[in-house]
C-alpha atoms as a PDB file:
ATOM      1  CA  LEU A   1     -37.695-138.442 -36.067  1.00  0.00           C
ATOM      2  CA  HIS A   2     -41.432-138.079 -36.467  1.00  0.00           C
ATOM      3  CA  TYR A   3     -43.768-135.087 -36.353  1.00  0.00           C
ATOM      4  CA  PRO A   4     -43.357-132.727 -34.536  1.00  0.00           C
ATOM      5  CA  ALA A   5     -39.815-133.626 -33.438  1.00  0.00           C
ATOM      6  CA  ASN A   6     -38.612-133.615 -37.045  1.00  0.00           C
ATOM      7  CA  PHE A   7     -38.905-129.804 -36.980  1.00  0.00           C
ATOM      8  CA  LEU A   8     -35.775-129.821 -34.786  1.00  0.00           C
ATOM      9  CA  LEU A   9     -33.785-130.871 -37.860  1.00  0.00           C
ATOM     10  CA  LEU A  10     -34.859-127.763 -39.770  1.00  0.00           C
ATOM     11  CA  ASP A  11     -32.399-125.507 -37.943  1.00  0.00           C
ATOM     12  CA  LYS A  12     -29.408-127.624 -38.957  1.00  0.00           C
ATOM     13  CA  LEU A  13     -30.732-127.928 -42.506  1.00  0.00           C
ATOM     14  CA  ALA A  14     -31.266-124.154 -42.706  1.00  0.00           C
ATOM     15  CA  PHE A  15     -27.759-123.500 -41.322  1.00  0.00           C
ATOM     16  CA  LEU A  16     -26.082-125.799 -43.853  1.00  0.00           C
ATOM     17  CA  SER A  17     -28.211-124.435 -46.706  1.00  0.00           C
ATOM     18  CA  LYS A  18     -27.299-120.871 -45.756  1.00  0.00           C
ATOM     19  CA  MET A  19     -23.587-121.729 -45.841  1.00  0.00           C
ATOM     20  CA  VAL A  20     -23.878-123.319 -49.278  1.00  0.00           C
ATOM     21  CA  LEU A  21     -25.836-120.355 -50.649  1.00  0.00           C
ATOM     22  CA  ALA A  22     -23.365-117.897 -49.099  1.00  0.00           C
ATOM     23  CA  VAL A  23     -20.402-119.612 -50.732  1.00  0.00           C
ATOM     24  CA  VAL A  24     -22.018-120.113 -54.145  1.00  0.00           C
ATOM     25  CA  PHE A  25     -24.228-117.046 -54.588  1.00  0.00           C
ATOM     26  CA  GLY A  26     -23.329-114.727 -51.706  1.00  0.00           C
ATOM     27  CA  SER A  27     -19.747-114.386 -52.924  1.00  0.00           C
ATOM     28  CA  LEU A  28     -20.907-113.220 -56.357  1.00  0.00           C
ATOM     29  CA  LEU A  29     -23.517-110.817 -54.984  1.00  0.00           C
ATOM     30  CA  SER A  30     -21.038-109.319 -52.501  1.00  0.00           C
ATOM     31  CA  ALA A  31     -18.547-108.662 -55.292  1.00  0.00           C
ATOM     32  CA  MET A  32     -21.217-107.006 -57.418  1.00  0.00           C
ATOM     33  CA  ALA A  33     -22.274-104.845 -54.469  1.00  0.00           C
ATOM     34  CA  VAL A  34     -18.671-103.739 -53.906  1.00  0.00           C
ATOM     35  CA  LEU A  35     -18.275-102.715 -57.556  1.00  0.00           C
ATOM     36  CA  LEU A  36     -21.598-100.872 -57.613  1.00  0.00           C
ATOM     37  CA  LEU A  37     -20.736 -99.039 -54.392  1.00  0.00           C
ATOM     38  CA  GLN A  38     -17.378 -97.979 -55.789  1.00  0.00           C
ATOM     39  CA  GLU A  39     -19.049 -96.514 -58.876  1.00  0.00           C
ATOM     40  CA  ALA A  40     -21.621 -94.694 -56.753  1.00  0.00           C
ATOM     41  CA  TYR A  41     -18.861 -93.453 -54.429  1.00  0.00           C
ATOM     42  CA  ALA A  42     -16.984 -92.075 -57.452  1.00  0.00           C
ATOM     43  CA  LYS A  43     -20.253 -90.402 -58.565  1.00  0.00           C
ATOM     44  CA  LYS A  44     -20.475 -92.570 -61.661  1.00  0.00           C
ATOM     45  CA  GLN A  45     -23.522 -94.331 -63.023  1.00  0.00           C
ATOM     46  CA  PRO A  46     -23.586 -97.856 -61.486  1.00  0.00           C
ATOM     47  CA  GLN A  47     -23.540-100.505 -64.211  1.00  0.00           C
ATOM     48  CA  LEU A  48     -25.202-103.718 -63.082  1.00  0.00           C
ATOM     49  CA  LYS A  49     -24.301-105.754 -66.165  1.00  0.00           C
ATOM     50  CA  ARG A  50     -20.624-104.768 -66.042  1.00  0.00           C
ATOM     51  CA  SER A  51     -20.473-105.534 -62.312  1.00  0.00           C
ATOM     52  CA  PHE A  52     -21.961-108.969 -62.913  1.00  0.00           C
ATOM     53  CA  LEU A  53     -19.539-109.828 -65.727  1.00  0.00           C
ATOM     54  CA  VAL A  54     -16.453-108.619 -63.842  1.00  0.00           C
ATOM     55  CA  SER A  55     -17.533-110.529 -60.728  1.00  0.00           C
ATOM     56  CA  LEU A  56     -18.220-113.647 -62.766  1.00  0.00           C
ATOM     57  CA  LYS A  57     -14.666-113.622 -64.141  1.00  0.00           C
ATOM     58  CA  LYS A  58     -13.321-113.719 -60.592  1.00  0.00           C
ATOM     59  CA  PHE A  59     -15.875-116.190 -59.287  1.00  0.00           C
ATOM     60  CA  ALA A  60     -13.290-118.866 -58.429  1.00  0.00           C
ATOM     61  CA  SER A  61     -11.372-116.501 -56.125  1.00  0.00           C
ATOM     62  CA  LEU A  62     -14.599-115.116 -54.658  1.00  0.00           C
ATOM     63  CA  PHE A  63     -15.808-118.655 -54.020  1.00  0.00           C
ATOM     64  CA  LEU A  64     -12.593-119.546 -52.169  1.00  0.00           C
ATOM     65  CA  ILE A  65     -12.633-116.371 -50.058  1.00  0.00           C
ATOM     66  CA  VAL A  66     -16.160-116.968 -48.802  1.00  0.00           C
ATOM     67  CA  LEU A  67     -15.428-120.690 -48.398  1.00  0.00           C
ATOM     68  CA  VAL A  68     -12.442-119.921 -46.150  1.00  0.00           C
ATOM     69  CA  VAL A  69     -14.476-117.521 -43.988  1.00  0.00           C
ATOM     70  CA  THR A  70     -17.444-119.889 -43.779  1.00  0.00           C
ATOM     71  CA  ALA A  71     -15.265-122.903 -42.952  1.00  0.00           C
ATOM     72  CA  LEU A  72     -13.396-121.009 -40.221  1.00  0.00           C
ATOM     73  CA  PHE A  73     -16.671-119.981 -38.598  1.00  0.00           C
ATOM     74  CA  TYR A  74     -18.289-123.402 -38.949  1.00  0.00           C
ATOM     75  CA  PHE A  75     -15.400-125.411 -37.503  1.00  0.00           C
ATOM     76  CA  SER A  76     -14.754-122.880 -34.711  1.00  0.00           C
ATOM     77  CA  ILE A  77     -18.367-123.173 -33.555  1.00  0.00           C
ATOM     78  CA  LYS A  78     -18.434-126.941 -33.982  1.00  0.00           C
ATOM     79  CA  LEU A  79     -15.201-127.491 -32.029  1.00  0.00           C
ATOM     80  CA  PHE A  80     -16.357-125.270 -29.160  1.00  0.00           C
ATOM     81  CA  THR A  81     -19.806-126.880 -28.994  1.00  0.00           C
ATOM     82  CA  PHE A  82     -18.382-130.405 -29.297  1.00  0.00           C
ATOM     83  CA  GLY A  83     -15.832-129.698 -26.565  1.00  0.00           C
ATOM     84  CA  LEU A  84     -18.516-128.420 -24.193  1.00  0.00           C
ATOM     85  CA  ALA A  85     -20.844-131.335 -24.918  1.00  0.00           C
ATOM     86  CA  LYS A  86     -18.097-133.911 -24.413  1.00  0.00           C
ATOM     87  CA  TYR A  87     -16.949-132.238 -21.201  1.00  0.00           C
ATOM     88  CA  PHE A  88     -20.388-132.279 -19.573  1.00  0.00           C
ATOM     89  CA  MET A  89     -21.374-135.692 -20.952  1.00  0.00           C
ATOM     90  CA  SER A  90     -18.275-137.182 -19.319  1.00  0.00           C
ATOM     91  CA  GLY A  91     -19.831-136.458 -15.925  1.00  0.00           C
ATOM     92  CA  HIS A  92     -18.597-132.971 -15.062  1.00  0.00           C
ATOM     93  CA  LYS A  93     -21.227-130.815 -13.395  1.00  0.00           C
ATOM     94  CA  LYS A  94     -19.558-127.426 -13.751  1.00  0.00           C
ATOM     95  CA  LEU A  95     -16.897-125.586 -15.758  1.00  0.00           C
ATOM     96  CA  LEU A  96     -15.390-122.493 -14.155  1.00  0.00           C
ATOM     97  CA  PHE A  97     -18.176-122.590 -11.513  1.00  0.00           C
ATOM     98  CA  LEU A  98     -20.884-122.541 -14.205  1.00  0.00           C
ATOM     99  CA  GLY A  99     -23.248-125.350 -15.182  1.00  0.00           C
ATOM    100  CA  PRO A 100     -24.126-126.732 -18.629  1.00  0.00           C
ATOM    101  CA  ARG A 101     -27.302-124.633 -18.959  1.00  0.00           C
ATOM    102  CA  LEU A 102     -25.244-121.432 -18.923  1.00  0.00           C
ATOM    103  CA  TRP A 103     -22.426-122.785 -21.096  1.00  0.00           C
ATOM    104  CA  LEU A 104     -24.753-124.248 -23.719  1.00  0.00           C
ATOM    105  CA  GLY A 105     -27.100-121.265 -23.549  1.00  0.00           C
ATOM    106  CA  PRO A 106     -25.999-117.628 -23.046  1.00  0.00           C
ATOM    107  CA  ILE A 107     -22.255-118.335 -23.199  1.00  0.00           C
ATOM    108  CA  LEU A 108     -22.601-120.300 -26.432  1.00  0.00           C
ATOM    109  CA  ILE A 109     -24.604-117.434 -27.966  1.00  0.00           C
ATOM    110  CA  ALA A 110     -21.927-114.942 -26.880  1.00  0.00           C
ATOM    111  CA  PHE A 111     -19.171-117.164 -28.289  1.00  0.00           C
ATOM    112  CA  ASN A 112     -21.001-117.500 -31.625  1.00  0.00           C
ATOM    113  CA  PHE A 113     -21.365-113.724 -31.815  1.00  0.00           C
ATOM    114  CA  ILE A 114     -17.729-112.969 -30.923  1.00  0.00           C
ATOM    115  CA  ILE A 115     -16.284-115.551 -33.318  1.00  0.00           C
ATOM    116  CA  SER A 116     -18.562-114.447 -36.147  1.00  0.00           C
ATOM    117  CA  ALA A 117     -17.704-110.778 -35.624  1.00  0.00           C
ATOM    118  CA  LEU A 118     -13.948-111.410 -35.418  1.00  0.00           C
ATOM    119  CA  ILE A 119     -13.709-113.725 -38.433  1.00  0.00           C
ATOM    120  CA  GLN A 120     -15.850-111.460 -40.600  1.00  0.00           C
ATOM    121  CA  SER A 121     -13.917-108.388 -39.482  1.00  0.00           C
ATOM    122  CA  PHE A 122     -10.515-109.801 -40.435  1.00  0.00           C
ATOM    123  CA  PHE A 123     -11.631-111.016 -43.854  1.00  0.00           C
ATOM    124  CA  ILE A 124     -14.300-108.441 -44.724  1.00  0.00           C
ATOM    125  CA  TYR A 125     -11.917-106.450 -46.941  1.00  0.00           C
ATOM    126  CA  ALA A 126     -10.739-109.460 -48.989  1.00  0.00           C
ATOM    127  CA  ILE A 127     -13.420-108.986 -51.652  1.00  0.00           C
ATOM    128  CA  PRO A 128     -12.822-105.199 -51.977  1.00  0.00           C
ATOM    129  CA  PHE A 129      -9.083-105.856 -52.393  1.00  0.00           C
ATOM    130  CA  LEU A 130      -9.787-108.557 -54.977  1.00  0.00           C
ATOM    131  CA  MET A 131     -12.329-106.530 -56.953  1.00  0.00           C
ATOM    132  CA  LEU A 132     -11.082-102.955 -56.592  1.00  0.00           C
ATOM    133  CA  GLU A 133      -7.316-103.390 -56.265  1.00  0.00           C
ATOM    134  CA  ASN A 134      -7.028-106.488 -58.493  1.00  0.00           C
ATOM    135  CA  GLU A 135      -5.092-108.347 -55.829  1.00  0.00           C
ATOM    136  CA  LYS A 136      -4.630-112.097 -56.021  1.00  0.00           C
ATOM    137  CA  LEU A 137      -6.500-114.467 -53.719  1.00  0.00           C
ATOM    138  CA  PHE A 138      -3.941-114.896 -50.946  1.00  0.00           C
ATOM    139  CA  SER A 139      -2.805-111.295 -51.194  1.00  0.00           C
ATOM    140  CA  SER A 140      -6.423-110.167 -50.737  1.00  0.00           C
ATOM    141  CA  LEU A 141      -6.796-112.316 -47.616  1.00  0.00           C
ATOM    142  CA  LYS A 142      -3.506-111.075 -46.194  1.00  0.00           C
ATOM    143  CA  LYS A 143      -4.169-107.401 -46.905  1.00  0.00           C
ATOM    144  CA  SER A 144      -7.665-107.708 -45.477  1.00  0.00           C
ATOM    145  CA  CYS A 145      -6.217-108.916 -42.174  1.00  0.00           C
ATOM    146  CA  LEU A 146      -3.649-106.101 -42.177  1.00  0.00           C
ATOM    147  CA  LEU A 147      -6.250-103.420 -42.926  1.00  0.00           C
ATOM    148  CA  CYS A 148      -8.553-104.797 -40.255  1.00  0.00           C
ATOM    149  CA  ALA A 149      -5.699-104.668 -37.746  1.00  0.00           C
ATOM    150  CA  ARG A 150      -5.174-100.996 -38.655  1.00  0.00           C
ATOM    151  CA  LEU A 151      -8.892-100.183 -38.550  1.00  0.00           C
ATOM    152  CA  PHE A 152      -9.817-102.765 -35.935  1.00  0.00           C
ATOM    153  CA  ILE A 153     -12.272-100.785 -33.796  1.00  0.00           C
ATOM    154  CA  PRO A 154     -14.312 -99.172 -36.610  1.00  0.00           C
ATOM    155  CA  THR A 155     -14.343-102.453 -38.551  1.00  0.00           C
ATOM    156  CA  LEU A 156     -15.474-104.455 -35.526  1.00  0.00           C
ATOM    157  CA  VAL A 157     -18.207-101.908 -34.823  1.00  0.00           C
ATOM    158  CA  LEU A 158     -19.469-101.932 -38.424  1.00  0.00           C
ATOM    159  CA  VAL A 159     -19.528-105.726 -38.473  1.00  0.00           C
ATOM    160  CA  GLY A 160     -20.637-106.330 -34.896  1.00  0.00           C
ATOM    161  CA  LEU A 161     -23.533-103.887 -34.573  1.00  0.00           C
ATOM    162  CA  PRO A 162     -25.618-105.405 -37.396  1.00  0.00           C
ATOM    163  CA  LEU A 163     -24.867-108.889 -36.054  1.00  0.00           C
ATOM    164  CA  LEU A 164     -26.475-107.905 -32.752  1.00  0.00           C
ATOM    165  CA  LEU A 165     -29.794-107.918 -34.619  1.00  0.00           C
ATOM    166  CA  PHE A 166     -29.450-111.673 -35.046  1.00  0.00           C
ATOM    167  CA  ILE A 167     -28.999-112.481 -31.340  1.00  0.00           C
ATOM    168  CA  PRO A 168     -32.776-112.713 -30.692  1.00  0.00           C
ATOM    169  CA  MET A 169     -32.945-115.269 -33.513  1.00  0.00           C
ATOM    170  CA  LEU A 170     -30.184-117.317 -31.859  1.00  0.00           C
ATOM    171  CA  ILE A 171     -32.064-117.261 -28.564  1.00  0.00           C
ATOM    172  CA  LEU A 172     -35.246-118.409 -30.261  1.00  0.00           C
ATOM    173  CA  LYS A 173     -33.392-121.210 -32.045  1.00  0.00           C
ATOM    174  CA  LEU A 174     -31.846-122.465 -28.805  1.00  0.00           C
ATOM    175  CA  ASN A 175     -35.389-122.700 -27.414  1.00  0.00           C
ATOM    176  CA  ALA A 176     -36.670-124.685 -30.387  1.00  0.00           C
ATOM    177  CA  PRO A 177     -38.050-127.560 -28.211  1.00  0.00           C
ATOM    178  CA  TYR A 178     -40.097-125.029 -26.225  1.00  0.00           C
ATOM    179  CA  PHE A 179     -41.667-123.647 -29.408  1.00  0.00           C
ATOM    180  CA  ILE A 180     -42.413-127.079 -30.782  1.00  0.00           C
ATOM    181  CA  ASN A 181     -43.864-128.470 -27.550  1.00  0.00           C
ATOM    182  CA  ASN A 182     -45.817-125.426 -26.371  1.00  0.00           C
ATOM    183  CA  PHE A 183     -46.998-123.889 -29.649  1.00  0.00           C
ATOM    184  CA  PHE A 184     -47.844-125.359 -33.005  1.00  0.00           C
ATOM    185  CA  PRO A 185     -44.615-126.867 -34.428  1.00  0.00           C
ATOM    186  CA  GLU A 186     -44.812-124.789 -37.596  1.00  0.00           C
ATOM    187  CA  SER A 187     -44.080-121.698 -35.470  1.00  0.00           C
ATOM    188  CA  PHE A 188     -40.428-122.745 -35.400  1.00  0.00           C
ATOM    189  CA  LEU A 189     -40.421-122.740 -39.200  1.00  0.00           C
ATOM    190  CA  PHE A 190     -41.569-119.119 -39.053  1.00  0.00           C
ATOM    191  CA  VAL A 191     -38.608-118.312 -36.764  1.00  0.00           C
ATOM    192  CA  LEU A 192     -36.171-119.885 -39.254  1.00  0.00           C
ATOM    193  CA  VAL A 193     -37.648-118.004 -42.221  1.00  0.00           C
ATOM    194  CA  LEU A 194     -37.540-114.750 -40.274  1.00  0.00           C
ATOM    195  CA  GLY A 195     -33.883-115.374 -39.456  1.00  0.00           C
ATOM    196  CA  VAL A 196     -33.004-115.990 -43.107  1.00  0.00           C
ATOM    197  CA  LEU A 197     -34.787-112.808 -44.205  1.00  0.00           C
ATOM    198  CA  LEU A 198     -33.155-110.735 -41.469  1.00  0.00           C
ATOM    199  CA  ASN A 199     -29.710-112.008 -42.361  1.00  0.00           C
ATOM    200  CA  SER A 200     -30.112-111.763 -46.150  1.00  0.00           C
ATOM    201  CA  LEU A 201     -32.023-108.489 -46.439  1.00  0.00           C
ATOM    202  CA  VAL A 202     -30.688-106.462 -43.508  1.00  0.00           C
ATOM    203  CA  ILE A 203     -27.485-107.703 -41.881  1.00  0.00           C
ATOM    204  CA  ASP A 204     -25.411-108.820 -44.889  1.00  0.00           C
ATOM    205  CA  PRO A 205     -26.219-105.759 -47.078  1.00  0.00           C
ATOM    206  CA  LEU A 206     -25.605-103.380 -44.166  1.00  0.00           C
ATOM    207  CA  VAL A 207     -22.213-104.922 -43.335  1.00  0.00           C
ATOM    208  CA  THR A 208     -21.162-104.930 -46.993  1.00  0.00           C
ATOM    209  CA  PHE A 209     -22.240-101.316 -47.532  1.00  0.00           C
ATOM    210  CA  THR A 210     -20.603 -99.810 -44.426  1.00  0.00           C
ATOM    211  CA  THR A 211     -17.310-101.730 -44.615  1.00  0.00           C
ATOM    212  CA  THR A 212     -16.920-101.035 -48.334  1.00  0.00           C
ATOM    213  CA  ILE A 213     -17.381 -97.316 -47.706  1.00  0.00           C
ATOM    214  CA  LEU A 214     -14.768 -97.510 -44.933  1.00  0.00           C
ATOM    215  CA  PHE A 215     -12.450 -99.331 -47.347  1.00  0.00           C
ATOM    216  CA  LEU A 216     -12.917 -96.636 -50.003  1.00  0.00           C
ATOM    217  CA  GLU A 217     -12.341 -93.872 -47.450  1.00  0.00           C
ATOM    218  CA  ASN A 218      -9.015 -95.438 -46.415  1.00  0.00           C
ATOM    219  CA  ARG A 219      -8.002 -96.690 -49.850  1.00  0.00           C
ATOM    220  CA  LYS A 220      -5.381 -94.042 -50.489  1.00  0.00           C
ATOM    221  CA  LYS A 221      -4.172 -93.627 -46.928  1.00  0.00           C
END
């Protein structure tokens, strides 16, 4: 692709880069945040160095937890999108009385949101179990699912509400050709950067903070 169409590749590149960073660095930062929150919750002085060293020792398990969550989300979205594309490219005009513009637009956005919220909700407590209860990898994943099932509504709310902030970014990304063709192409780059900042500085910290507090509140119950 040549300028300005090559800007369409930036979204995929940003998505893949975000997944790699989440697995490699996000896992470590999430673990550190959980440890620091526990110390603050217990009214102790948070120790950044200690949190880093403890998290580093469990990096392999943290890496695998985030990898599992990321892979589940990625392949769920890819399978759904691929299935829709193949269905309509084979000549079908409608699916359940709805055309491809609705399925590959608003419905796809809704599906992305629901899948992301559900997967994150069921595995959001894996890192707290690993770091605070010293559970093993598979035990952490299992107990996270069980705790989410017990606290399903509050967990889904704490995960889902911050994710709603990202829906406008998804809408803007789906309209990438419009941005590139009707404005200066670099405007789409601004949308991608804004999405990364929103996700990294607002959504992820907010989800980690609220769900860890909920975990600590229900730790002894």
